[in-house]
Amino acid sequence: MRMAEFAGKEIININDGARLGVVGETDLAIDVETGRIQSIILPRKGSFLNFWAEKHELVVPWEAVKKIGLEVIIVELDQATPRFGKFLV
């Protein structure tokens, strides 16, 4: 599958039906040696008051991807223990 085919697909968590984001608003962590996707990195939206503050991102391991459809990517992610990273604006 080409990267352009990912654009616009919505990412849905199969465990709770939550909409996690849309590819195009996300980043992909790619292994530079193999060219394989390691994870999908989703920005967590904050409020205007948090504009200059530290922001968090949700990291979805590629192993959590269960199905890639025409319009959605289905992932199995335990939201009780999400993996967050953080980045500075």
PDB file of N, CA and C in Angstrom:
ATOM      1  N   MET A   1       0.849  -1.168   0.000  1.00  0.00           N
ATOM      2  CA  MET A   1       0.000   0.000   0.000  1.00  0.00           C
ATOM      3  C   MET A   1       0.898   1.236   0.000  1.00  0.00           C
ATOM      4  N   ARG A   2       0.542   2.208  -0.789  1.00  0.00           N
ATOM      5  CA  ARG A   2       1.299   3.457  -0.881  1.00  0.00           C
ATOM      6  C   ARG A   2       0.852   4.430   0.202  1.00  0.00           C
ATOM      7  N   MET A   3       1.756   5.316   0.589  1.00  0.00           N
ATOM      8  CA  MET A   3       1.447   6.302   1.626  1.00  0.00           C
ATOM      9  C   MET A   3       0.247   7.167   1.245  1.00  0.00           C
ATOM     10  N   ALA A   4       0.118   7.496  -0.014  1.00  0.00           N
ATOM     11  CA  ALA A   4      -0.998   8.332  -0.456  1.00  0.00           C
ATOM     12  C   ALA A   4      -2.345   7.657  -0.218  1.00  0.00           C
ATOM     13  N   GLU A   5      -2.365   6.330  -0.196  1.00  0.00           N
ATOM     14  CA  GLU A   5      -3.606   5.598   0.035  1.00  0.00           C
ATOM     15  C   GLU A   5      -4.056   5.673   1.493  1.00  0.00           C
ATOM     16  N   PHE A   6      -3.147   6.012   2.418  1.00  0.00           N
ATOM     17  CA  PHE A   6      -3.493   6.169   3.829  1.00  0.00           C
ATOM     18  C   PHE A   6      -4.212   7.490   4.097  1.00  0.00           C
ATOM     19  N   ALA A   7      -3.908   8.510   3.308  1.00  0.00           N
ATOM     20  CA  ALA A   7      -4.428   9.853   3.554  1.00  0.00           C
ATOM     21  C   ALA A   7      -5.951   9.878   3.603  1.00  0.00           C
ATOM     22  N   GLY A   8      -6.462  10.514   4.647  1.00  0.00           N
ATOM     23  CA  GLY A   8      -7.901  10.682   4.800  1.00  0.00           C
ATOM     24  C   GLY A   8      -8.610   9.546   5.520  1.00  0.00           C
ATOM     25  N   LYS A   9      -7.907   8.457   5.785  1.00  0.00           N
ATOM     26  CA  LYS A   9      -8.544   7.342   6.496  1.00  0.00           C
ATOM     27  C   LYS A   9      -8.692   7.689   7.975  1.00  0.00           C
ATOM     28  N   GLU A  10      -9.850   7.387   8.516  1.00  0.00           N
ATOM     29  CA  GLU A  10     -10.103   7.631   9.928  1.00  0.00           C
ATOM     30  C   GLU A  10      -9.620   6.439  10.743  1.00  0.00           C
ATOM     31  N   ILE A  11      -9.047   6.698  11.908  1.00  0.00           N
ATOM     32  CA  ILE A  11      -8.530   5.640  12.779  1.00  0.00           C
ATOM     33  C   ILE A  11      -9.541   5.411  13.891  1.00  0.00           C
ATOM     34  N   ILE A  12     -10.054   4.172  13.979  1.00  0.00           N
ATOM     35  CA  ILE A  12     -11.100   3.800  14.937  1.00  0.00           C
ATOM     36  C   ILE A  12     -10.573   2.699  15.855  1.00  0.00           C
ATOM     37  N   ASN A  13     -10.829   2.860  17.161  1.00  0.00           N
ATOM     38  CA  ASN A  13     -10.448   1.840  18.134  1.00  0.00           C
ATOM     39  C   ASN A  13     -11.570   0.818  18.243  1.00  0.00           C
ATOM     40  N   ILE A  14     -11.272  -0.439  17.970  1.00  0.00           N
ATOM     41  CA  ILE A  14     -12.276  -1.503  17.980  1.00  0.00           C
ATOM     42  C   ILE A  14     -12.811  -1.784  19.395  1.00  0.00           C
ATOM     43  N   ASN A  15     -12.005  -1.482  20.431  1.00  0.00           N
ATOM     44  CA  ASN A  15     -12.421  -1.772  21.801  1.00  0.00           C
ATOM     45  C   ASN A  15     -13.583  -0.920  22.279  1.00  0.00           C
ATOM     46  N   ASP A  16     -13.586   0.365  21.898  1.00  0.00           N
ATOM     47  CA  ASP A  16     -14.654   1.241  22.379  1.00  0.00           C
ATOM     48  C   ASP A  16     -15.312   2.080  21.280  1.00  0.00           C
ATOM     49  N   GLY A  17     -14.905   1.867  20.040  1.00  0.00           N
ATOM     50  CA  GLY A  17     -15.494   2.598  18.924  1.00  0.00           C
ATOM     51  C   GLY A  17     -15.059   4.051  18.837  1.00  0.00           C
ATOM     52  N   ALA A  18     -14.050   4.436  19.618  1.00  0.00           N
ATOM     53  CA  ALA A  18     -13.603   5.834  19.636  1.00  0.00           C
ATOM     54  C   ALA A  18     -12.904   6.204  18.338  1.00  0.00           C
ATOM     55  N   ARG A  19     -13.180   7.415  17.889  1.00  0.00           N
ATOM     56  CA  ARG A  19     -12.486   7.984  16.742  1.00  0.00           C
ATOM     57  C   ARG A  19     -11.199   8.608  17.267  1.00  0.00           C
ATOM     58  N   LEU A  20     -10.072   8.096  16.844  1.00  0.00           N
ATOM     59  CA  LEU A  20      -8.789   8.551  17.378  1.00  0.00           C
ATOM     60  C   LEU A  20      -8.155   9.656  16.546  1.00  0.00           C
ATOM     61  N   GLY A  21      -8.480   9.709  15.281  1.00  0.00           N
ATOM     62  CA  GLY A  21      -7.887  10.725  14.416  1.00  0.00           C
ATOM     63  C   GLY A  21      -8.009  10.338  12.965  1.00  0.00           C
ATOM     64  N   VAL A  22      -7.412  11.156  12.125  1.00  0.00           N
ATOM     65  CA  VAL A  22      -7.449  10.951  10.680  1.00  0.00           C
ATOM     66  C   VAL A  22      -6.011  10.957  10.168  1.00  0.00           C
ATOM     67  N   VAL A  23      -5.687   9.997   9.321  1.00  0.00           N
ATOM     68  CA  VAL A  23      -4.359   9.981   8.715  1.00  0.00           C
ATOM     69  C   VAL A  23      -4.250  11.224   7.843  1.00  0.00           C
ATOM     70  N   GLY A  24      -3.197  11.926   8.027  1.00  0.00           N
ATOM     71  CA  GLY A  24      -3.005  13.224   7.386  1.00  0.00           C
ATOM     72  C   GLY A  24      -2.803  14.259   8.470  1.00  0.00           C
ATOM     73  N   GLU A  25      -3.435  14.015   9.619  1.00  0.00           N
ATOM     74  CA  GLU A  25      -3.225  14.838  10.810  1.00  0.00           C
ATOM     75  C   GLU A  25      -2.277  14.116  11.751  1.00  0.00           C
ATOM     76  N   THR A  26      -1.732  12.991  11.309  1.00  0.00           N
ATOM     77  CA  THR A  26      -0.893  12.138  12.145  1.00  0.00           C
ATOM     78  C   THR A  26       0.520  12.080  11.587  1.00  0.00           C
ATOM     79  N   ASP A  27       1.404  11.469  12.367  1.00  0.00           N
ATOM     80  CA  ASP A  27       2.754  11.162  11.909  1.00  0.00           C
ATOM     81  C   ASP A  27       2.917   9.651  11.926  1.00  0.00           C
ATOM     82  N   LEU A  28       3.846   9.171  11.152  1.00  0.00           N
ATOM     83  CA  LEU A  28       4.183   7.751  11.157  1.00  0.00           C
ATOM     84  C   LEU A  28       5.634   7.610  11.576  1.00  0.00           C
ATOM     85  N   ALA A  29       5.907   6.684  12.502  1.00  0.00           N
ATOM     86  CA  ALA A  29       7.288   6.349  12.856  1.00  0.00           C
ATOM     87  C   ALA A  29       7.686   5.187  11.958  1.00  0.00           C
ATOM     88  N   ILE A  30       8.744   5.382  11.191  1.00  0.00           N
ATOM     89  CA  ILE A  30       9.164   4.388  10.203  1.00  0.00           C
ATOM     90  C   ILE A  30      10.589   3.947  10.502  1.00  0.00           C
ATOM     91  N   ASP A  31      10.826   2.646  10.453  1.00  0.00           N
ATOM     92  CA  ASP A  31      12.163   2.090  10.614  1.00  0.00           C
ATOM     93  C   ASP A  31      12.940   2.416   9.346  1.00  0.00           C
ATOM     94  N   VAL A  32      13.993   3.207   9.475  1.00  0.00           N
ATOM     95  CA  VAL A  32      14.730   3.666   8.297  1.00  0.00           C
ATOM     96  C   VAL A  32      15.485   2.534   7.594  1.00  0.00           C
ATOM     97  N   GLU A  33      15.808   1.479   8.329  1.00  0.00           N
ATOM     98  CA  GLU A  33      16.537   0.373   7.713  1.00  0.00           C
ATOM     99  C   GLU A  33      15.632  -0.533   6.885  1.00  0.00           C
ATOM    100  N   THR A  34      14.428  -0.797   7.385  1.00  0.00           N
ATOM    101  CA  THR A  34      13.531  -1.717   6.682  1.00  0.00           C
ATOM    102  C   THR A  34      12.439  -1.008   5.888  1.00  0.00           C
ATOM    103  N   GLY A  35      12.156   0.257   6.235  1.00  0.00           N
ATOM    104  CA  GLY A  35      11.076   0.985   5.573  1.00  0.00           C
ATOM    105  C   GLY A  35       9.701   0.625   6.102  1.00  0.00           C
ATOM    106  N   ARG A  36       9.648  -0.153   7.173  1.00  0.00           N
ATOM    107  CA  ARG A  36       8.359  -0.578   7.751  1.00  0.00           C
ATOM    108  C   ARG A  36       7.858   0.440   8.766  1.00  0.00           C
ATOM    109  N   ILE A  37       6.527   0.567   8.822  1.00  0.00           N
ATOM    110  CA  ILE A  37       5.900   1.457   9.792  1.00  0.00           C
ATOM    111  C   ILE A  37       6.004   0.818  11.171  1.00  0.00           C
ATOM    112  N   GLN A  38       6.448   1.589  12.163  1.00  0.00           N
ATOM    113  CA  GLN A  38       6.543   1.109  13.541  1.00  0.00           C
ATOM    114  C   GLN A  38       5.332   1.537  14.358  1.00  0.00           C
ATOM    115  N   SER A  39       4.854   2.763  14.138  1.00  0.00           N
ATOM    116  CA  SER A  39       3.706   3.248  14.892  1.00  0.00           C
ATOM    117  C   SER A  39       3.059   4.436  14.194  1.00  0.00           C
ATOM    118  N   ILE A  40       1.826   4.685  14.589  1.00  0.00           N
ATOM    119  CA  ILE A  40       1.077   5.860  14.148  1.00  0.00           C
ATOM    120  C   ILE A  40       1.046   6.800  15.346  1.00  0.00           C
ATOM    121  N   ILE A  41       1.392   8.061  15.141  1.00  0.00           N
ATOM    122  CA  ILE A  41       1.449   9.028  16.228  1.00  0.00           C
ATOM    123  C   ILE A  41       0.339  10.055  16.011  1.00  0.00           C
ATOM    124  N   LEU A  42      -0.597  10.076  16.968  1.00  0.00           N
ATOM    125  CA  LEU A  42      -1.775  10.941  16.868  1.00  0.00           C
ATOM    126  C   LEU A  42      -1.655  12.114  17.824  1.00  0.00           C
ATOM    127  N   PRO A  43      -1.772  13.342  17.325  1.00  0.00           N
ATOM    128  CA  PRO A  43      -1.750  14.486  18.238  1.00  0.00           C
ATOM    129  C   PRO A  43      -3.029  14.521  19.058  1.00  0.00           C
ATOM    130  N   ARG A  44      -2.924  14.845  20.333  1.00  0.00           N
ATOM    131  CA  ARG A  44      -4.093  14.998  21.195  1.00  0.00           C
ATOM    132  C   ARG A  44      -4.440  16.467  21.195  1.00  0.00           C
ATOM    133  N   LYS A  45      -5.660  16.769  20.857  1.00  0.00           N
ATOM    134  CA  LYS A  45      -6.081  18.159  20.749  1.00  0.00           C
ATOM    135  C   LYS A  45      -6.246  18.774  22.129  1.00  0.00           C
ATOM    136  N   GLY A  46      -5.708  19.968  22.286  1.00  0.00           N
ATOM    137  CA  GLY A  46      -5.826  20.702  23.541  1.00  0.00           C
ATOM    138  C   GLY A  46      -6.698  21.928  23.345  1.00  0.00           C
ATOM    139  N   SER A  47      -6.885  22.663  24.393  1.00  0.00           N
ATOM    140  CA  SER A  47      -7.679  23.885  24.316  1.00  0.00           C
ATOM    141  C   SER A  47      -6.777  25.054  23.937  1.00  0.00           C
ATOM    142  N   PHE A  48      -7.387  26.198  23.686  1.00  0.00           N
ATOM    143  CA  PHE A  48      -6.638  27.393  23.333  1.00  0.00           C
ATOM    144  C   PHE A  48      -5.700  27.808  24.476  1.00  0.00           C
ATOM    145  N   LEU A  49      -6.135  27.586  25.716  1.00  0.00           N
ATOM    146  CA  LEU A  49      -5.318  27.950  26.866  1.00  0.00           C
ATOM    147  C   LEU A  49      -4.036  27.140  26.926  1.00  0.00           C
ATOM    148  N   ASN A  50      -4.041  25.953  26.358  1.00  0.00           N
ATOM    149  CA  ASN A  50      -2.865  25.092  26.364  1.00  0.00           C
ATOM    150  C   ASN A  50      -2.015  25.268  25.117  1.00  0.00           C
ATOM    151  N   PHE A  51      -2.252  26.328  24.353  1.00  0.00           N
ATOM    152  CA  PHE A  51      -1.599  26.495  23.053  1.00  0.00           C
ATOM    153  C   PHE A  51      -0.072  26.444  23.155  1.00  0.00           C
ATOM    154  N   TRP A  52       0.508  27.135  24.142  1.00  0.00           N
ATOM    155  CA  TRP A  52       1.964  27.158  24.272  1.00  0.00           C
ATOM    156  C   TRP A  52       2.486  26.119  25.261  1.00  0.00           C
ATOM    157  N   ALA A  53       1.601  25.411  25.872  1.00  0.00           N
ATOM    158  CA  ALA A  53       2.008  24.408  26.858  1.00  0.00           C
ATOM    159  C   ALA A  53       2.445  23.123  26.165  1.00  0.00           C
ATOM    160  N   GLU A  54       2.931  22.218  26.956  1.00  0.00           N
ATOM    161  CA  GLU A  54       3.334  20.926  26.460  1.00  0.00           C
ATOM    162  C   GLU A  54       2.121  20.175  25.916  1.00  0.00           C
ATOM    163  N   LYS A  55       2.281  19.549  24.778  1.00  0.00           N
ATOM    164  CA  LYS A  55       1.185  18.777  24.195  1.00  0.00           C
ATOM    165  C   LYS A  55       1.560  17.300  24.238  1.00  0.00           C
ATOM    166  N   HIS A  56       0.555  16.453  24.238  1.00  0.00           N
ATOM    167  CA  HIS A  56       0.798  15.017  24.275  1.00  0.00           C
ATOM    168  C   HIS A  56       0.319  14.398  22.975  1.00  0.00           C
ATOM    169  N   GLU A  57       0.857  13.267  22.687  1.00  0.00           N
ATOM    170  CA  GLU A  57       0.466  12.525  21.494  1.00  0.00           C
ATOM    171  C   GLU A  57       0.191  11.080  21.899  1.00  0.00           C
ATOM    172  N   LEU A  58      -0.726  10.456  21.177  1.00  0.00           N
ATOM    173  CA  LEU A  58      -1.053   9.055  21.417  1.00  0.00           C
ATOM    174  C   LEU A  58      -0.271   8.217  20.416  1.00  0.00           C
ATOM    175  N   VAL A  59       0.495   7.242  20.906  1.00  0.00           N
ATOM    176  CA  VAL A  59       1.307   6.385  20.049  1.00  0.00           C
ATOM    177  C   VAL A  59       0.591   5.044  19.890  1.00  0.00           C
ATOM    178  N   VAL A  60       0.237   4.726  18.640  1.00  0.00           N
ATOM    179  CA  VAL A  60      -0.441   3.466  18.329  1.00  0.00           C
ATOM    180  C   VAL A  60       0.571   2.547  17.654  1.00  0.00           C
ATOM    181  N   PRO A  61       1.010   1.488  18.349  1.00  0.00           N
ATOM    182  CA  PRO A  61       1.972   0.561  17.731  1.00  0.00           C
ATOM    183  C   PRO A  61       1.372  -0.087  16.480  1.00  0.00           C
ATOM    184  N   TRP A  62       2.188  -0.310  15.482  1.00  0.00           N
ATOM    185  CA  TRP A  62       1.704  -0.899  14.227  1.00  0.00           C
ATOM    186  C   TRP A  62       1.066  -2.260  14.460  1.00  0.00           C
ATOM    187  N   GLU A  63       1.514  -2.972  15.491  1.00  0.00           N
ATOM    188  CA  GLU A  63       0.936  -4.272  15.811  1.00  0.00           C
ATOM    189  C   GLU A  63      -0.526  -4.148  16.245  1.00  0.00           C
ATOM    190  N   ALA A  64      -0.952  -2.964  16.668  1.00  0.00           N
ATOM    191  CA  ALA A  64      -2.336  -2.747  17.090  1.00  0.00           C
ATOM    192  C   ALA A  64      -3.283  -2.566  15.904  1.00  0.00           C
ATOM    193  N   VAL A  65      -2.740  -2.339  14.703  1.00  0.00           N
ATOM    194  CA  VAL A  65      -3.566  -2.185  13.501  1.00  0.00           C
ATOM    195  C   VAL A  65      -4.106  -3.557  13.119  1.00  0.00           C
ATOM    196  N   LYS A  66      -5.444  -3.681  13.088  1.00  0.00           N
ATOM    197  CA  LYS A  66      -6.078  -4.967  12.799  1.00  0.00           C
ATOM    198  C   LYS A  66      -6.604  -5.056  11.382  1.00  0.00           C
ATOM    199  N   LYS A  67      -7.049  -3.918  10.824  1.00  0.00           N
ATOM    200  CA  LYS A  67      -7.634  -3.958   9.467  1.00  0.00           C
ATOM    201  C   LYS A  67      -7.532  -2.573   8.851  1.00  0.00           C
ATOM    202  N   ILE A  68      -7.175  -2.543   7.573  1.00  0.00           N
ATOM    203  CA  ILE A  68      -7.165  -1.295   6.827  1.00  0.00           C
ATOM    204  C   ILE A  68      -8.219  -1.416   5.747  1.00  0.00           C
ATOM    205  N   GLY A  69      -9.248  -0.585   5.874  1.00  0.00           N
ATOM    206  CA  GLY A  69     -10.342  -0.603   4.915  1.00  0.00           C
ATOM    207  C   GLY A  69     -10.234   0.545   3.929  1.00  0.00           C
ATOM    208  N   LEU A  70     -11.279   0.708   3.121  1.00  0.00           N
ATOM    209  CA  LEU A  70     -11.287   1.790   2.136  1.00  0.00           C
ATOM    210  C   LEU A  70     -11.352   3.162   2.785  1.00  0.00           C
ATOM    211  N   GLU A  71     -12.058   3.271   3.939  1.00  0.00           N
ATOM    212  CA  GLU A  71     -12.243   4.568   4.581  1.00  0.00           C
ATOM    213  C   GLU A  71     -11.697   4.640   6.000  1.00  0.00           C
ATOM    214  N   VAL A  72     -11.464   3.504   6.645  1.00  0.00           N
ATOM    215  CA  VAL A  72     -11.025   3.506   8.037  1.00  0.00           C
ATOM    216  C   VAL A  72      -9.869   2.539   8.270  1.00  0.00           C
ATOM    217  N   ILE A  73      -9.151   2.798   9.349  1.00  0.00           N
ATOM    218  CA  ILE A  73      -8.135   1.886   9.866  1.00  0.00           C
ATOM    219  C   ILE A  73      -8.632   1.469  11.244  1.00  0.00           C
ATOM    220  N   ILE A  74      -8.804   0.174  11.438  1.00  0.00           N
ATOM    221  CA  ILE A  74      -9.281  -0.354  12.717  1.00  0.00           C
ATOM    222  C   ILE A  74      -8.073  -0.766  13.542  1.00  0.00           C
ATOM    223  N   VAL A  75      -7.999  -0.231  14.778  1.00  0.00           N
ATOM    224  CA  VAL A  75      -6.911  -0.591  15.681  1.00  0.00           C
ATOM    225  C   VAL A  75      -7.500  -1.176  16.961  1.00  0.00           C
ATOM    226  N   GLU A  76      -6.718  -2.006  17.625  1.00  0.00           N
ATOM    227  CA  GLU A  76      -7.120  -2.552  18.919  1.00  0.00           C
ATOM    228  C   GLU A  76      -6.186  -1.948  19.956  1.00  0.00           C
ATOM    229  N   LEU A  77      -6.726  -0.974  20.691  1.00  0.00           N
ATOM    230  CA  LEU A  77      -5.919  -0.226  21.632  1.00  0.00           C
ATOM    231  C   LEU A  77      -6.635  -0.171  22.965  1.00  0.00           C
ATOM    232  N   ASP A  78      -5.959  -0.576  24.019  1.00  0.00           N
ATOM    233  CA  ASP A  78      -6.524  -0.531  25.364  1.00  0.00           C
ATOM    234  C   ASP A  78      -6.409   0.893  25.872  1.00  0.00           C
ATOM    235  N   GLN A  79      -7.521   1.623  25.868  1.00  0.00           N
ATOM    236  CA  GLN A  79      -7.513   3.021  26.287  1.00  0.00           C
ATOM    237  C   GLN A  79      -7.303   3.170  27.787  1.00  0.00           C
ATOM    238  N   ALA A  80      -7.436   2.085  28.546  1.00  0.00           N
ATOM    239  CA  ALA A  80      -7.200   2.163  29.981  1.00  0.00           C
ATOM    240  C   ALA A  80      -5.724   2.449  30.259  1.00  0.00           C
ATOM    241  N   THR A  81      -4.858   1.987  29.370  1.00  0.00           N
ATOM    242  CA  THR A  81      -3.423   2.230  29.526  1.00  0.00           C
ATOM    243  C   THR A  81      -2.836   2.721  28.212  1.00  0.00           C
ATOM    244  N   PRO A  82      -3.265   3.913  27.754  1.00  0.00           N
ATOM    245  CA  PRO A  82      -2.736   4.419  26.485  1.00  0.00           C
ATOM    246  C   PRO A  82      -1.264   4.783  26.603  1.00  0.00           C
ATOM    247  N   ARG A  83      -0.554   4.714  25.496  1.00  0.00           N
ATOM    248  CA  ARG A  83       0.855   5.094  25.447  1.00  0.00           C
ATOM    249  C   ARG A  83       0.925   6.527  24.957  1.00  0.00           C
ATOM    250  N   PHE A  84       1.304   7.418  25.848  1.00  0.00           N
ATOM    251  CA  PHE A  84       1.449   8.823  25.475  1.00  0.00           C
ATOM    252  C   PHE A  84       2.905   9.201  25.392  1.00  0.00           C
ATOM    253  N   GLY A  85       3.218  10.010  24.427  1.00  0.00           N
ATOM    254  CA  GLY A  85       4.518  10.649  24.349  1.00  0.00           C
ATOM    255  C   GLY A  85       4.244  12.126  24.497  1.00  0.00           C
ATOM    256  N   LYS A  86       5.271  12.935  24.533  1.00  0.00           N
ATOM    257  CA  LYS A  86       5.026  14.367  24.592  1.00  0.00           C
ATOM    258  C   LYS A  86       6.005  15.091  23.717  1.00  0.00           C
ATOM    259  N   PHE A  87       5.562  16.220  23.233  1.00  0.00           N
ATOM    260  CA  PHE A  87       6.423  17.041  22.413  1.00  0.00           C
ATOM    261  C   PHE A  87       6.152  18.492  22.755  1.00  0.00           C
ATOM    262  N   LEU A  88       7.089  19.342  22.443  1.00  0.00           N
ATOM    263  CA  LEU A  88       6.951  20.763  22.740  1.00  0.00           C
ATOM    264  C   LEU A  88       6.641  21.514  21.464  1.00  0.00           C
ATOM    265  N   VAL A  89       5.811  22.526  21.582  1.00  0.00           N
ATOM    266  CA  VAL A  89       5.468  23.348  20.432  1.00  0.00           C
ATOM    267  C   VAL A  89       6.538  24.373  20.216  1.00  0.00           C
TER     268      VAL A  89
END
